[in-house]
Amino acid sequence: MNVEDPITPPHDPGDNRVAPAPAAVGPLRGQVWLTIQTRQAQQLVRGRNGTPDKPPIIGLVGFADRLRVIWQAARNDDPYADWWLIKVHEGIEAAGALIRQRQQALASLLQQMESIEISTAASRQPFRMPLQFANPYAYQGAKHLSAYDSLVCTALTANHIGLLDRAACQSELNLCARKIRSLFVIPQSYRFLGIDRPSIRRGSAESKRAAQLMGVLPADVLNGERQAPLIPRKLRFPNGFVGNTALHPATKISSPHPANSENQTSP
């Protein structure tokens, strides 16, 4: 069936009128999902609250939530936040290197079964959650958690077919889980005090308190010579004023608790 458009007239070559400009391009949107196959990796998503008998375990959610504070403080020119982003980056590199090395070792172990085709174990009902984090390092943490999840599948497969005994399998899982937990705990020692580089150079009371709580700031971090590869765009305020943000100085940091990832979308 042929249908003519009754609204748009045919083009006239002699018509020199300029067509109206198209509407502006809208903002980009996307979705990121994390799929987890194993119980061991799922336990590291939200972590565990502390009890009198057991210390708390910081999970991916707590890691991302505290990183949001550090990322905003770094945007406001807090050099201690810059220092903590360096520490997080180094922790991510170390965790990634260990997991890759152990995964390669386990994959080589499975290849010893030359005449048998092995399919790595996978969950029939994996855990899936959306990720909406405020900074790239939280996504890097999720990436390594996913890599740990794959390692668990590989190790359990090797144990199931007799290439890895139970003790050796558990040792592999514990080694890499500790590395992930040590990464997730790094941001928890940062303290937001509402300082910036000018206030530290002036030797303000808050800068002295920062040194007591977080250590003496390295000179190359203070002057900006050493930075993490991924940093936020700095906000410039007159006279070293930190600016009006949603973050407020706190005397102490409460124990992290599970949070909805939907609340972590602020850039």
C-alpha atoms as a PDB file:
ATOM      1  CA  MET A   1       0.000   0.000   0.000  1.00  0.00           C
ATOM      2  CA  ASN A   2       1.390   3.396  -1.026  1.00  0.00           C
ATOM      3  CA  VAL A   3       0.794   6.226   1.405  1.00  0.00           C
ATOM      4  CA  GLU A   4       1.835   9.805   0.715  1.00  0.00           C
ATOM      5  CA  ASP A   5       2.881  12.110   3.521  1.00  0.00           C
ATOM      6  CA  PRO A   6       0.311  14.915   3.513  1.00  0.00           C
ATOM      7  CA  ILE A   7       2.479  17.129   5.745  1.00  0.00           C
ATOM      8  CA  THR A   8       5.934  17.196   4.141  1.00  0.00           C
ATOM      9  CA  PRO A   9       5.847  18.799   0.668  1.00  0.00           C
ATOM     10  CA  PRO A  10       8.151  17.544  -2.065  1.00  0.00           C
ATOM     11  CA  HIS A  11      11.575  19.202  -2.232  1.00  0.00           C
ATOM     12  CA  ASP A  12      11.756  22.177  -4.569  1.00  0.00           C
ATOM     13  CA  PRO A  13      15.312  22.692  -5.937  1.00  0.00           C
ATOM     14  CA  GLY A  14      14.571  26.364  -6.352  1.00  0.00           C
ATOM     15  CA  ASP A  15      13.543  26.863  -2.760  1.00  0.00           C
ATOM     16  CA  ASN A  16      16.446  28.629  -0.952  1.00  0.00           C
ATOM     17  CA  ARG A  17      14.832  28.766   2.462  1.00  0.00           C
ATOM     18  CA  VAL A  18      16.997  27.362   5.277  1.00  0.00           C
ATOM     19  CA  ALA A  19      15.554  24.324   7.053  1.00  0.00           C
ATOM     20  CA  PRO A  20      15.182  24.691  10.847  1.00  0.00           C
ATOM     21  CA  ALA A  21      18.067  23.341  12.910  1.00  0.00           C
ATOM     22  CA  PRO A  22      17.466  19.937  14.515  1.00  0.00           C
ATOM     23  CA  ALA A  23      16.834  19.720  18.248  1.00  0.00           C
ATOM     24  CA  ALA A  24      19.885  19.393  20.517  1.00  0.00           C
ATOM     25  CA  VAL A  25      21.190  15.878  21.187  1.00  0.00           C
ATOM     26  CA  GLY A  26      19.964  14.540  24.504  1.00  0.00           C
ATOM     27  CA  PRO A  27      22.171  13.183  27.289  1.00  0.00           C
ATOM     28  CA  LEU A  28      23.648   9.702  26.995  1.00  0.00           C
ATOM     29  CA  ARG A  29      22.180   6.915  29.071  1.00  0.00           C
ATOM     30  CA  GLY A  30      23.245   3.331  29.579  1.00  0.00           C
ATOM     31  CA  GLN A  31      22.931   0.340  31.872  1.00  0.00           C
ATOM     32  CA  VAL A  32      25.565  -1.738  33.623  1.00  0.00           C
ATOM     33  CA  TRP A  33      24.753  -5.092  35.237  1.00  0.00           C
ATOM     34  CA  LEU A  34      26.826  -7.344  37.454  1.00  0.00           C
ATOM     35  CA  THR A  35      26.117 -11.078  37.207  1.00  0.00           C
ATOM     36  CA  ILE A  36      27.409 -13.324  39.987  1.00  0.00           C
ATOM     37  CA  GLN A  37      27.520 -17.129  39.771  1.00  0.00           C
ATOM     38  CA  THR A  38      28.801 -18.131  43.216  1.00  0.00           C
ATOM     39  CA  ARG A  39      27.806 -17.716  46.832  1.00  0.00           C
ATOM     40  CA  GLN A  40      31.384 -16.743  47.740  1.00  0.00           C
ATOM     41  CA  ALA A  41      31.332 -13.745  45.407  1.00  0.00           C
ATOM     42  CA  GLN A  42      27.770 -12.780  46.331  1.00  0.00           C
ATOM     43  CA  GLN A  43      28.806 -12.458  49.979  1.00  0.00           C
ATOM     44  CA  LEU A  44      31.303  -9.789  48.903  1.00  0.00           C
ATOM     45  CA  VAL A  45      28.646  -7.643  47.229  1.00  0.00           C
ATOM     46  CA  ARG A  46      27.114  -6.270  50.429  1.00  0.00           C
ATOM     47  CA  GLY A  47      29.604  -7.540  52.971  1.00  0.00           C
ATOM     48  CA  ARG A  48      28.683  -8.159  56.595  1.00  0.00           C
ATOM     49  CA  ASN A  49      27.840  -5.985  59.585  1.00  0.00           C
ATOM     50  CA  GLY A  50      30.135  -6.351  62.560  1.00  0.00           C
ATOM     51  CA  THR A  51      29.158  -8.272  65.703  1.00  0.00           C
ATOM     52  CA  PRO A  52      30.852  -8.671  69.092  1.00  0.00           C
ATOM     53  CA  ASP A  53      32.349 -11.914  67.789  1.00  0.00           C
ATOM     54  CA  LYS A  54      33.067 -10.991  64.164  1.00  0.00           C
ATOM     55  CA  PRO A  55      34.473  -7.838  62.574  1.00  0.00           C
ATOM     56  CA  PRO A  56      32.529  -6.192  59.735  1.00  0.00           C
ATOM     57  CA  ILE A  57      33.314  -7.092  56.140  1.00  0.00           C
ATOM     58  CA  ILE A  58      33.183  -4.261  53.641  1.00  0.00           C
ATOM     59  CA  GLY A  59      31.479  -5.310  50.432  1.00  0.00           C
ATOM     60  CA  LEU A  60      31.262  -3.744  46.998  1.00  0.00           C
ATOM     61  CA  VAL A  61      28.345  -1.542  48.064  1.00  0.00           C
ATOM     62  CA  GLY A  62      30.252  -0.081  51.024  1.00  0.00           C
ATOM     63  CA  PHE A  63      33.352   0.345  48.862  1.00  0.00           C
ATOM     64  CA  ALA A  64      31.392   2.307  46.246  1.00  0.00           C
ATOM     65  CA  ASP A  65      29.513   4.367  48.829  1.00  0.00           C
ATOM     66  CA  ARG A  66      32.682   5.581  50.551  1.00  0.00           C
ATOM     67  CA  LEU A  67      34.390   6.179  47.218  1.00  0.00           C
ATOM     68  CA  ARG A  68      31.578   8.558  46.326  1.00  0.00           C
ATOM     69  CA  VAL A  69      32.609  10.787  49.246  1.00  0.00           C
ATOM     70  CA  ILE A  70      36.296  10.622  48.263  1.00  0.00           C
ATOM     71  CA  TRP A  71      35.544  11.377  44.617  1.00  0.00           C
ATOM     72  CA  GLN A  72      33.534  14.492  45.527  1.00  0.00           C
ATOM     73  CA  ALA A  73      36.221  15.645  47.975  1.00  0.00           C
ATOM     74  CA  ALA A  74      38.879  15.223  45.264  1.00  0.00           C
ATOM     75  CA  ARG A  75      36.691  17.330  42.980  1.00  0.00           C
ATOM     76  CA  ASN A  76      36.798  20.013  45.686  1.00  0.00           C
ATOM     77  CA  ASP A  77      40.644  19.916  45.688  1.00  0.00           C
ATOM     78  CA  ASP A  78      41.124  17.899  48.873  1.00  0.00           C
ATOM     79  CA  PRO A  79      44.659  16.472  48.454  1.00  0.00           C
ATOM     80  CA  TYR A  80      43.962  13.713  50.982  1.00  0.00           C
ATOM     81  CA  ALA A  81      41.158  12.524  48.709  1.00  0.00           C
ATOM     82  CA  ASP A  82      43.651  12.520  45.836  1.00  0.00           C
ATOM     83  CA  TRP A  83      46.003  10.454  48.004  1.00  0.00           C
ATOM     84  CA  TRP A  84      43.266   7.942  48.752  1.00  0.00           C
ATOM     85  CA  LEU A  85      42.417   7.629  45.058  1.00  0.00           C
ATOM     86  CA  ILE A  86      46.069   6.699  44.499  1.00  0.00           C
ATOM     87  CA  LYS A  87      45.793   4.056  47.224  1.00  0.00           C
ATOM     88  CA  VAL A  88      42.584   2.701  45.705  1.00  0.00           C
ATOM     89  CA  HIS A  89      44.180   2.548  42.266  1.00  0.00           C
ATOM     90  CA  GLU A  90      47.188   0.664  43.650  1.00  0.00           C
ATOM     91  CA  GLY A  91      44.868  -1.724  45.505  1.00  0.00           C
ATOM     92  CA  ILE A  92      42.898  -2.359  42.307  1.00  0.00           C
ATOM     93  CA  GLU A  93      46.109  -3.096  40.392  1.00  0.00           C
ATOM     94  CA  ALA A  94      47.333  -5.503  43.077  1.00  0.00           C
ATOM     95  CA  ALA A  95      44.011  -7.346  43.342  1.00  0.00           C
ATOM     96  CA  GLY A  96      43.723  -7.655  39.580  1.00  0.00           C
ATOM     97  CA  ALA A  97      47.242  -9.003  39.214  1.00  0.00           C
ATOM     98  CA  LEU A  98      46.715 -11.677  41.874  1.00  0.00           C
ATOM     99  CA  ILE A  99      43.361 -12.860  40.532  1.00  0.00           C
ATOM    100  CA  ARG A 100      44.675 -13.037  36.959  1.00  0.00           C
ATOM    101  CA  GLN A 101      47.721 -15.008  38.085  1.00  0.00           C
ATOM    102  CA  ARG A 102      45.672 -17.533  40.075  1.00  0.00           C
ATOM    103  CA  GLN A 103      43.065 -17.861  37.333  1.00  0.00           C
ATOM    104  CA  GLN A 104      45.775 -18.630  34.785  1.00  0.00           C
ATOM    105  CA  ALA A 105      47.248 -21.256  37.102  1.00  0.00           C
ATOM    106  CA  LEU A 106      43.854 -22.938  37.550  1.00  0.00           C
ATOM    107  CA  ALA A 107      43.122 -22.809  33.811  1.00  0.00           C
ATOM    108  CA  SER A 108      46.464 -24.513  33.135  1.00  0.00           C
ATOM    109  CA  LEU A 109      45.491 -27.175  35.649  1.00  0.00           C
ATOM    110  CA  LEU A 110      42.261 -27.900  33.774  1.00  0.00           C
ATOM    111  CA  GLN A 111      44.162 -28.174  30.508  1.00  0.00           C
ATOM    112  CA  GLN A 112      45.916 -31.254  31.865  1.00  0.00           C
ATOM    113  CA  MET A 113      42.766 -33.213  31.030  1.00  0.00           C
ATOM    114  CA  GLU A 114      43.701 -33.274  27.361  1.00  0.00           C
ATOM    115  CA  SER A 115      41.243 -35.936  26.226  1.00  0.00           C
ATOM    116  CA  ILE A 116      38.306 -34.631  28.262  1.00  0.00           C
ATOM    117  CA  GLU A 117      36.314 -31.540  27.382  1.00  0.00           C
ATOM    118  CA  ILE A 118      35.606 -29.577  30.568  1.00  0.00           C
ATOM    119  CA  SER A 119      32.909 -26.959  30.916  1.00  0.00           C
ATOM    120  CA  THR A 120      33.461 -24.664  33.898  1.00  0.00           C
ATOM    121  CA  ALA A 121      30.670 -24.834  36.460  1.00  0.00           C
ATOM    122  CA  ALA A 122      28.011 -22.129  36.285  1.00  0.00           C
ATOM    123  CA  SER A 123      24.920 -21.316  38.325  1.00  0.00           C
ATOM    124  CA  ARG A 124      21.479 -22.195  36.988  1.00  0.00           C
ATOM    125  CA  GLN A 125      20.146 -19.124  38.769  1.00  0.00           C
ATOM    126  CA  PRO A 126      22.855 -16.425  38.916  1.00  0.00           C
ATOM    127  CA  PHE A 127      22.526 -13.281  40.992  1.00  0.00           C
ATOM    128  CA  ARG A 128      22.164 -10.148  38.850  1.00  0.00           C
ATOM    129  CA  MET A 129      22.165  -6.542  40.006  1.00  0.00           C
ATOM    130  CA  PRO A 130      22.321  -3.134  38.279  1.00  0.00           C
ATOM    131  CA  LEU A 131      25.364  -0.940  38.910  1.00  0.00           C
ATOM    132  CA  GLN A 132      24.943   2.816  39.089  1.00  0.00           C
ATOM    133  CA  PHE A 133      28.086   4.146  40.699  1.00  0.00           C
ATOM    134  CA  ALA A 134      29.375   7.690  40.979  1.00  0.00           C
ATOM    135  CA  ASN A 135      32.971   7.073  39.882  1.00  0.00           C
ATOM    136  CA  PRO A 136      35.023   4.700  37.717  1.00  0.00           C
ATOM    137  CA  TYR A 137      36.909   3.049  40.587  1.00  0.00           C
ATOM    138  CA  ALA A 138      33.698   1.531  41.944  1.00  0.00           C
ATOM    139  CA  TYR A 139      33.168  -0.116  38.569  1.00  0.00           C
ATOM    140  CA  GLN A 140      36.767  -1.363  38.657  1.00  0.00           C
ATOM    141  CA  GLY A 141      35.996  -2.945  42.028  1.00  0.00           C
ATOM    142  CA  ALA A 142      32.943  -4.637  40.493  1.00  0.00           C
ATOM    143  CA  LYS A 143      35.118  -5.875  37.635  1.00  0.00           C
ATOM    144  CA  HIS A 144      37.513  -7.576  40.052  1.00  0.00           C
ATOM    145  CA  LEU A 145      34.632  -9.038  42.033  1.00  0.00           C
ATOM    146  CA  SER A 146      33.373 -10.556  38.776  1.00  0.00           C
ATOM    147  CA  ALA A 147      36.866 -11.924  38.074  1.00  0.00           C
ATOM    148  CA  TYR A 148      36.927 -13.474  41.557  1.00  0.00           C
ATOM    149  CA  ASP A 149      33.543 -15.037  40.826  1.00  0.00           C
ATOM    150  CA  SER A 150      34.998 -16.679  37.692  1.00  0.00           C
ATOM    151  CA  LEU A 151      37.983 -17.897  39.692  1.00  0.00           C
ATOM    152  CA  VAL A 152      35.666 -19.539  42.235  1.00  0.00           C
ATOM    153  CA  CYS A 153      33.855 -21.358  39.407  1.00  0.00           C
ATOM    154  CA  THR A 154      37.170 -22.572  38.011  1.00  0.00           C
ATOM    155  CA  ALA A 155      38.529 -23.697  41.391  1.00  0.00           C
ATOM    156  CA  LEU A 156      35.333 -25.566  42.292  1.00  0.00           C
ATOM    157  CA  THR A 157      35.368 -27.262  38.902  1.00  0.00           C
ATOM    158  CA  ALA A 158      38.977 -28.373  39.431  1.00  0.00           C
ATOM    159  CA  ASN A 159      38.035 -29.695  42.862  1.00  0.00           C
ATOM    160  CA  HIS A 160      34.999 -31.535  41.494  1.00  0.00           C
ATOM    161  CA  ILE A 161      37.013 -33.478  38.907  1.00  0.00           C
ATOM    162  CA  GLY A 162      39.838 -34.266  41.320  1.00  0.00           C
ATOM    163  CA  LEU A 163      42.548 -31.907  40.056  1.00  0.00           C
ATOM    164  CA  LEU A 164      42.471 -29.862  43.272  1.00  0.00           C
ATOM    165  CA  ASP A 165      41.850 -31.256  46.739  1.00  0.00           C
ATOM    166  CA  ARG A 166      39.486 -29.530  49.140  1.00  0.00           C
ATOM    167  CA  ALA A 167      42.212 -27.830  51.181  1.00  0.00           C
ATOM    168  CA  ALA A 168      44.009 -26.484  48.102  1.00  0.00           C
ATOM    169  CA  CYS A 169      40.715 -25.285  46.628  1.00  0.00           C
ATOM    170  CA  GLN A 170      39.776 -23.429  49.815  1.00  0.00           C
ATOM    171  CA  SER A 171      43.247 -21.917  49.976  1.00  0.00           C
ATOM    172  CA  GLU A 172      42.803 -20.458  46.486  1.00  0.00           C
ATOM    173  CA  LEU A 173      39.420 -18.998  47.374  1.00  0.00           C
ATOM    174  CA  ASN A 174      40.618 -17.527  50.677  1.00  0.00           C
ATOM    175  CA  LEU A 175      43.717 -15.964  49.142  1.00  0.00           C
ATOM    176  CA  CYS A 176      41.805 -14.035  46.497  1.00  0.00           C
ATOM    177  CA  ALA A 177      38.875 -13.187  48.789  1.00  0.00           C
ATOM    178  CA  ARG A 178      41.279 -11.569  51.266  1.00  0.00           C
ATOM    179  CA  LYS A 179      42.735  -9.489  48.440  1.00  0.00           C
ATOM    180  CA  ILE A 180      39.277  -8.295  47.396  1.00  0.00           C
ATOM    181  CA  ARG A 181      38.371  -7.454  51.004  1.00  0.00           C
ATOM    182  CA  SER A 182      41.639  -5.569  51.501  1.00  0.00           C
ATOM    183  CA  LEU A 183      40.787  -3.501  48.409  1.00  0.00           C
ATOM    184  CA  PHE A 184      37.254  -2.739  49.582  1.00  0.00           C
ATOM    185  CA  VAL A 185      38.451  -1.569  52.999  1.00  0.00           C
ATOM    186  CA  ILE A 186      40.903   1.059  51.669  1.00  0.00           C
ATOM    187  CA  PRO A 187      38.389   3.948  51.368  1.00  0.00           C
ATOM    188  CA  GLN A 188      37.076   3.408  54.897  1.00  0.00           C
ATOM    189  CA  SER A 189      40.135   5.038  56.499  1.00  0.00           C
ATOM    190  CA  TYR A 190      39.593   8.345  54.686  1.00  0.00           C
ATOM    191  CA  ARG A 191      38.135  11.180  56.774  1.00  0.00           C
ATOM    192  CA  PHE A 192      36.257  14.029  55.139  1.00  0.00           C
ATOM    193  CA  LEU A 193      37.219  17.272  56.899  1.00  0.00           C
ATOM    194  CA  GLY A 194      36.281  19.862  54.278  1.00  0.00           C
ATOM    195  CA  ILE A 195      39.872  20.896  53.547  1.00  0.00           C
ATOM    196  CA  ASP A 196      41.635  21.856  50.339  1.00  0.00           C
ATOM    197  CA  ARG A 197      45.202  22.557  49.249  1.00  0.00           C
ATOM    198  CA  PRO A 198      45.263  26.266  50.250  1.00  0.00           C
ATOM    199  CA  SER A 199      44.059  25.440  53.766  1.00  0.00           C
ATOM    200  CA  ILE A 200      46.817  22.840  54.144  1.00  0.00           C
ATOM    201  CA  ARG A 201      49.476  25.259  52.919  1.00  0.00           C
ATOM    202  CA  ARG A 202      48.219  27.807  55.470  1.00  0.00           C
ATOM    203  CA  GLY A 203      48.597  25.193  58.208  1.00  0.00           C
ATOM    204  CA  SER A 204      44.980  25.465  59.341  1.00  0.00           C
ATOM    205  CA  ALA A 205      43.691  23.600  62.385  1.00  0.00           C
ATOM    206  CA  GLU A 206      41.779  21.186  60.158  1.00  0.00           C
ATOM    207  CA  SER A 207      44.906  20.418  58.146  1.00  0.00           C
ATOM    208  CA  LYS A 208      46.738  19.513  61.363  1.00  0.00           C
ATOM    209  CA  ARG A 209      43.830  17.322  62.377  1.00  0.00           C
ATOM    210  CA  ALA A 210      43.942  15.648  58.967  1.00  0.00           C
ATOM    211  CA  ALA A 211      47.610  14.820  59.499  1.00  0.00           C
ATOM    212  CA  GLN A 212      46.783  13.276  62.885  1.00  0.00           C
ATOM    213  CA  LEU A 213      43.938  11.170  61.485  1.00  0.00           C
ATOM    214  CA  MET A 214      45.317  10.200  58.078  1.00  0.00           C
ATOM    215  CA  GLY A 215      49.071  10.741  58.221  1.00  0.00           C
ATOM    216  CA  VAL A 216      51.427  13.316  56.780  1.00  0.00           C
ATOM    217  CA  LEU A 217      50.495  14.099  53.202  1.00  0.00           C
ATOM    218  CA  PRO A 218      53.301  13.292  50.710  1.00  0.00           C
ATOM    219  CA  ALA A 219      54.733  16.431  49.120  1.00  0.00           C
ATOM    220  CA  ASP A 220      54.310  15.143  45.560  1.00  0.00           C
ATOM    221  CA  VAL A 221      50.593  14.567  46.221  1.00  0.00           C
ATOM    222  CA  LEU A 222      50.143  18.008  47.752  1.00  0.00           C
ATOM    223  CA  ASN A 223      51.741  19.768  44.795  1.00  0.00           C
ATOM    224  CA  GLY A 224      49.879  17.596  42.289  1.00  0.00           C
ATOM    225  CA  GLU A 225      52.905  15.822  40.800  1.00  0.00           C
ATOM    226  CA  ARG A 226      51.529  12.384  41.687  1.00  0.00           C
ATOM    227  CA  GLN A 227      47.921  11.549  40.883  1.00  0.00           C
ATOM    228  CA  ALA A 228      45.770   8.522  40.215  1.00  0.00           C
ATOM    229  CA  PRO A 229      45.132   7.806  36.532  1.00  0.00           C
ATOM    230  CA  LEU A 230      41.423   8.594  36.934  1.00  0.00           C
ATOM    231  CA  ILE A 231      40.528  11.777  38.792  1.00  0.00           C
ATOM    232  CA  PRO A 232      37.484  14.067  38.744  1.00  0.00           C
ATOM    233  CA  ARG A 233      37.509  17.494  37.186  1.00  0.00           C
ATOM    234  CA  LYS A 234      38.495  19.976  39.863  1.00  0.00           C
ATOM    235  CA  LEU A 235      36.054  22.663  40.969  1.00  0.00           C
ATOM    236  CA  ARG A 236      37.724  26.019  41.487  1.00  0.00           C
ATOM    237  CA  PHE A 237      36.479  28.238  44.304  1.00  0.00           C
ATOM    238  CA  PRO A 238      37.857  31.640  45.367  1.00  0.00           C
ATOM    239  CA  ASN A 239      40.205  31.898  48.330  1.00  0.00           C
ATOM    240  CA  GLY A 240      40.400  28.159  48.776  1.00  0.00           C
ATOM    241  CA  PHE A 241      36.734  27.936  49.731  1.00  0.00           C
ATOM    242  CA  VAL A 242      35.592  24.318  49.486  1.00  0.00           C
ATOM    243  CA  GLY A 243      32.172  25.251  48.129  1.00  0.00           C
ATOM    244  CA  ASN A 244      28.624  24.276  48.765  1.00  0.00           C
ATOM    245  CA  THR A 245      28.372  20.498  48.438  1.00  0.00           C
ATOM    246  CA  ALA A 246      26.201  17.801  49.869  1.00  0.00           C
ATOM    247  CA  LEU A 247      29.090  16.501  51.971  1.00  0.00           C
ATOM    248  CA  HIS A 248      29.776  17.754  55.483  1.00  0.00           C
ATOM    249  CA  PRO A 249      32.773  17.239  57.776  1.00  0.00           C
ATOM    250  CA  ALA A 250      32.284  14.436  60.258  1.00  0.00           C
ATOM    251  CA  THR A 251      34.125  13.716  63.466  1.00  0.00           C
ATOM    252  CA  LYS A 252      33.852   9.977  62.963  1.00  0.00           C
ATOM    253  CA  ILE A 253      32.798   7.522  60.309  1.00  0.00           C
ATOM    254  CA  SER A 254      29.951   5.187  61.129  1.00  0.00           C
ATOM    255  CA  SER A 255      30.143   1.538  60.194  1.00  0.00           C
ATOM    256  CA  PRO A 256      29.177   1.053  56.561  1.00  0.00           C
ATOM    257  CA  HIS A 257      25.835  -0.561  55.935  1.00  0.00           C
ATOM    258  CA  PRO A 258      24.108  -2.010  52.901  1.00  0.00           C
ATOM    259  CA  ALA A 259      22.810   0.663  50.590  1.00  0.00           C
ATOM    260  CA  ASN A 260      20.697   0.654  47.488  1.00  0.00           C
ATOM    261  CA  SER A 261      22.898   1.083  44.437  1.00  0.00           C
ATOM    262  CA  GLU A 262      20.253   3.460  43.067  1.00  0.00           C
ATOM    263  CA  ASN A 263      21.508   5.996  45.628  1.00  0.00           C
ATOM    264  CA  GLN A 264      24.988   6.036  44.149  1.00  0.00           C
ATOM    265  CA  THR A 265      24.258   7.877  40.928  1.00  0.00           C
ATOM    266  CA  SER A 266      25.406  11.378  41.867  1.00  0.00           C
ATOM    267  CA  PRO A 267      28.317  12.377  39.648  1.00  0.00           C
END
